[in-house]
Amino acid sequence: MMVPSARCECYGSGSYQVCTDSYTDAAGNVHISSHDSEGHTYSVDSGSSTGPGGEHVIESHDSEGNSYSVKSWSDAAGIHSTDSEGNTCTITPTGQTIGCGE
């Protein structure tokens, strides 16, 4: 079990400053939010889970409606991953790569 942790950092000088707060909750999900001295805000949340087939799934989404996910698993044919943008990658037991940004 992960222990929750938090961090706050601010950058800038003079009248403009950006502050970012981040923490990892007890389940291991990461939460990041930022705001600046002009009132702009932005946040992103990321978490992981196990899918119905035993695959590892990492998902993130932000306050602007963007999202991204990656699913990975292994079997006799190798180690595989696929993401929400249609990218795929397989590394075979012999070390051959298939997909993987080629």
C-alpha atoms as a PDB file:
ATOM      1  CA  MET A   1       0.000   0.000   0.000  1.00  0.00           C
ATOM      2  CA  MET A   2       1.318   3.442  -0.916  1.00  0.00           C
ATOM      3  CA  VAL A   3       1.420   6.238   1.608  1.00  0.00           C
ATOM      4  CA  PRO A   4      -0.199   9.470   0.373  1.00  0.00           C
ATOM      5  CA  SER A   5       2.297  12.215  -0.387  1.00  0.00           C
ATOM      6  CA  ALA A   6       1.851  15.860  -1.333  1.00  0.00           C
ATOM      7  CA  ARG A   7       4.006  18.619  -2.802  1.00  0.00           C
ATOM      8  CA  CYS A   8       3.432  22.293  -3.640  1.00  0.00           C
ATOM      9  CA  GLU A   9       5.817  24.397  -5.728  1.00  0.00           C
ATOM     10  CA  CYS A  10       5.540  27.971  -6.999  1.00  0.00           C
ATOM     11  CA  TYR A  11       7.583  29.633  -9.738  1.00  0.00           C
ATOM     12  CA  GLY A  12       7.875  33.161 -11.020  1.00  0.00           C
ATOM     13  CA  SER A  13       8.907  36.563  -9.873  1.00  0.00           C
ATOM     14  CA  GLY A  14       7.285  39.931  -9.706  1.00  0.00           C
ATOM     15  CA  SER A  15       3.567  40.014 -10.324  1.00  0.00           C
ATOM     16  CA  TYR A  16       3.287  36.715 -12.217  1.00  0.00           C
ATOM     17  CA  GLN A  17       3.533  33.363 -10.467  1.00  0.00           C
ATOM     18  CA  VAL A  18       2.458  29.764 -11.189  1.00  0.00           C
ATOM     19  CA  CYS A  19       1.839  27.292  -8.375  1.00  0.00           C
ATOM     20  CA  THR A  20       1.471  23.535  -8.747  1.00  0.00           C
ATOM     21  CA  ASP A  21       0.059  21.179  -6.152  1.00  0.00           C
ATOM     22  CA  SER A  22       0.513  17.444  -6.566  1.00  0.00           C
ATOM     23  CA  TYR A  23      -0.214  14.422  -4.494  1.00  0.00           C
ATOM     24  CA  THR A  24      -0.376  10.666  -4.734  1.00  0.00           C
ATOM     25  CA  ASP A  25      -3.325   9.124  -2.964  1.00  0.00           C
ATOM     26  CA  ALA A  26      -3.367   5.852  -1.030  1.00  0.00           C
ATOM     27  CA  ALA A  27      -4.403   3.923  -4.172  1.00  0.00           C
ATOM     28  CA  GLY A  28      -1.377   5.248  -6.099  1.00  0.00           C
ATOM     29  CA  ASN A  29      -3.352   7.674  -8.265  1.00  0.00           C
ATOM     30  CA  VAL A  30      -1.548  10.937  -9.067  1.00  0.00           C
ATOM     31  CA  HIS A  31      -3.390  14.280  -8.930  1.00  0.00           C
ATOM     32  CA  ILE A  32      -1.798  17.505 -10.189  1.00  0.00           C
ATOM     33  CA  SER A  33      -3.344  20.964 -10.301  1.00  0.00           C
ATOM     34  CA  SER A  34      -1.878  24.343 -11.112  1.00  0.00           C
ATOM     35  CA  HIS A  35      -3.022  27.931 -11.006  1.00  0.00           C
ATOM     36  CA  ASP A  36      -1.417  31.234 -11.830  1.00  0.00           C
ATOM     37  CA  SER A  37      -1.702  34.764 -10.543  1.00  0.00           C
ATOM     38  CA  GLU A  38      -3.991  35.647 -13.491  1.00  0.00           C
ATOM     39  CA  GLY A  39      -6.659  33.118 -12.439  1.00  0.00           C
ATOM     40  CA  HIS A  40      -5.912  30.343 -14.939  1.00  0.00           C
ATOM     41  CA  THR A  41      -6.223  26.760 -13.673  1.00  0.00           C
ATOM     42  CA  TYR A  42      -5.317  23.329 -15.017  1.00  0.00           C
ATOM     43  CA  SER A  43      -5.445  19.835 -13.547  1.00  0.00           C
ATOM     44  CA  VAL A  44      -4.570  16.291 -14.538  1.00  0.00           C
ATOM     45  CA  ASP A  45      -5.378  13.004 -12.813  1.00  0.00           C
ATOM     46  CA  SER A  46      -3.742   9.676 -13.526  1.00  0.00           C
ATOM     47  CA  GLY A  47      -4.440   6.227 -12.173  1.00  0.00           C
ATOM     48  CA  SER A  48      -3.844   2.571 -12.849  1.00  0.00           C
ATOM     49  CA  SER A  49      -5.965  -0.533 -12.631  1.00  0.00           C
ATOM     50  CA  THR A  50      -6.132  -4.137 -13.735  1.00  0.00           C
ATOM     51  CA  GLY A  51      -8.409  -4.876 -16.693  1.00  0.00           C
ATOM     52  CA  PRO A  52     -10.775  -7.851 -16.972  1.00  0.00           C
ATOM     53  CA  GLY A  53      -8.154  -9.913 -18.815  1.00  0.00           C
ATOM     54  CA  GLY A  54      -5.432  -9.195 -16.251  1.00  0.00           C
ATOM     55  CA  GLU A  55      -3.851  -6.419 -18.313  1.00  0.00           C
ATOM     56  CA  HIS A  56      -2.360  -3.360 -16.619  1.00  0.00           C
ATOM     57  CA  VAL A  57      -4.206  -0.146 -17.559  1.00  0.00           C
ATOM     58  CA  ILE A  58      -2.973   3.410 -16.973  1.00  0.00           C
ATOM     59  CA  GLU A  59      -5.408   6.243 -17.652  1.00  0.00           C
ATOM     60  CA  SER A  60      -5.107  10.002 -17.363  1.00  0.00           C
ATOM     61  CA  HIS A  61      -7.406  12.917 -18.059  1.00  0.00           C
ATOM     62  CA  ASP A  62      -7.160  16.666 -17.659  1.00  0.00           C
ATOM     63  CA  SER A  63      -9.436  19.600 -16.961  1.00  0.00           C
ATOM     64  CA  GLU A  64      -9.539  20.503 -20.676  1.00  0.00           C
ATOM     65  CA  GLY A  65     -11.218  17.225 -21.655  1.00  0.00           C
ATOM     66  CA  ASN A  66      -8.102  15.451 -22.930  1.00  0.00           C
ATOM     67  CA  SER A  67      -7.555  11.805 -22.034  1.00  0.00           C
ATOM     68  CA  TYR A  68      -4.950   9.139 -22.683  1.00  0.00           C
ATOM     69  CA  SER A  69      -4.674   5.476 -21.741  1.00  0.00           C
ATOM     70  CA  VAL A  70      -2.157   2.675 -22.126  1.00  0.00           C
ATOM     71  CA  LYS A  71      -2.874  -1.027 -21.700  1.00  0.00           C
ATOM     72  CA  SER A  72      -0.069  -3.578 -21.340  1.00  0.00           C
ATOM     73  CA  TRP A  73       0.064  -7.342 -20.855  1.00  0.00           C
ATOM     74  CA  SER A  74       2.297 -10.311 -21.488  1.00  0.00           C
ATOM     75  CA  ASP A  75       1.670 -13.761 -22.898  1.00  0.00           C
ATOM     76  CA  ALA A  76       3.585 -16.521 -24.691  1.00  0.00           C
ATOM     77  CA  ALA A  77       4.039 -14.244 -27.748  1.00  0.00           C
ATOM     78  CA  GLY A  78       5.776 -11.495 -25.732  1.00  0.00           C
ATOM     79  CA  ILE A  79       5.073  -8.222 -23.978  1.00  0.00           C
ATOM     80  CA  HIS A  80       2.422  -6.031 -25.572  1.00  0.00           C
ATOM     81  CA  SER A  81       1.086  -2.514 -25.207  1.00  0.00           C
ATOM     82  CA  THR A  82      -1.547  -0.457 -26.937  1.00  0.00           C
ATOM     83  CA  ASP A  83      -2.685   3.089 -26.283  1.00  0.00           C
ATOM     84  CA  SER A  84      -5.767   5.195 -26.867  1.00  0.00           C
ATOM     85  CA  GLU A  85      -4.144   6.801 -29.930  1.00  0.00           C
ATOM     86  CA  GLY A  86      -3.830   3.464 -31.758  1.00  0.00           C
ATOM     87  CA  ASN A  87      -0.118   2.914 -31.137  1.00  0.00           C
ATOM     88  CA  THR A  88       0.913  -0.699 -30.516  1.00  0.00           C
ATOM     89  CA  CYS A  89       4.118  -2.373 -29.446  1.00  0.00           C
ATOM     90  CA  THR A  90       5.155  -5.989 -29.004  1.00  0.00           C
ATOM     91  CA  ILE A  91       8.501  -7.262 -27.796  1.00  0.00           C
ATOM     92  CA  THR A  92       8.846 -10.953 -28.559  1.00  0.00           C
ATOM     93  CA  PRO A  93      10.659 -13.442 -26.308  1.00  0.00           C
ATOM     94  CA  THR A  94      13.627 -13.263 -28.739  1.00  0.00           C
ATOM     95  CA  GLY A  95      13.802  -9.461 -28.392  1.00  0.00           C
ATOM     96  CA  GLN A  96      12.263  -8.544 -31.744  1.00  0.00           C
ATOM     97  CA  THR A  97      10.118  -5.407 -31.681  1.00  0.00           C
ATOM     98  CA  ILE A  98       6.914  -5.138 -33.665  1.00  0.00           C
ATOM     99  CA  GLY A  99       5.319  -1.705 -33.929  1.00  0.00           C
ATOM    100  CA  CYS A 100       6.918   0.293 -31.125  1.00  0.00           C
ATOM    101  CA  GLY A 101       7.106   3.538 -33.089  1.00  0.00           C
ATOM    102  CA  GLU A 102       8.695   1.999 -36.164  1.00  0.00           C
END
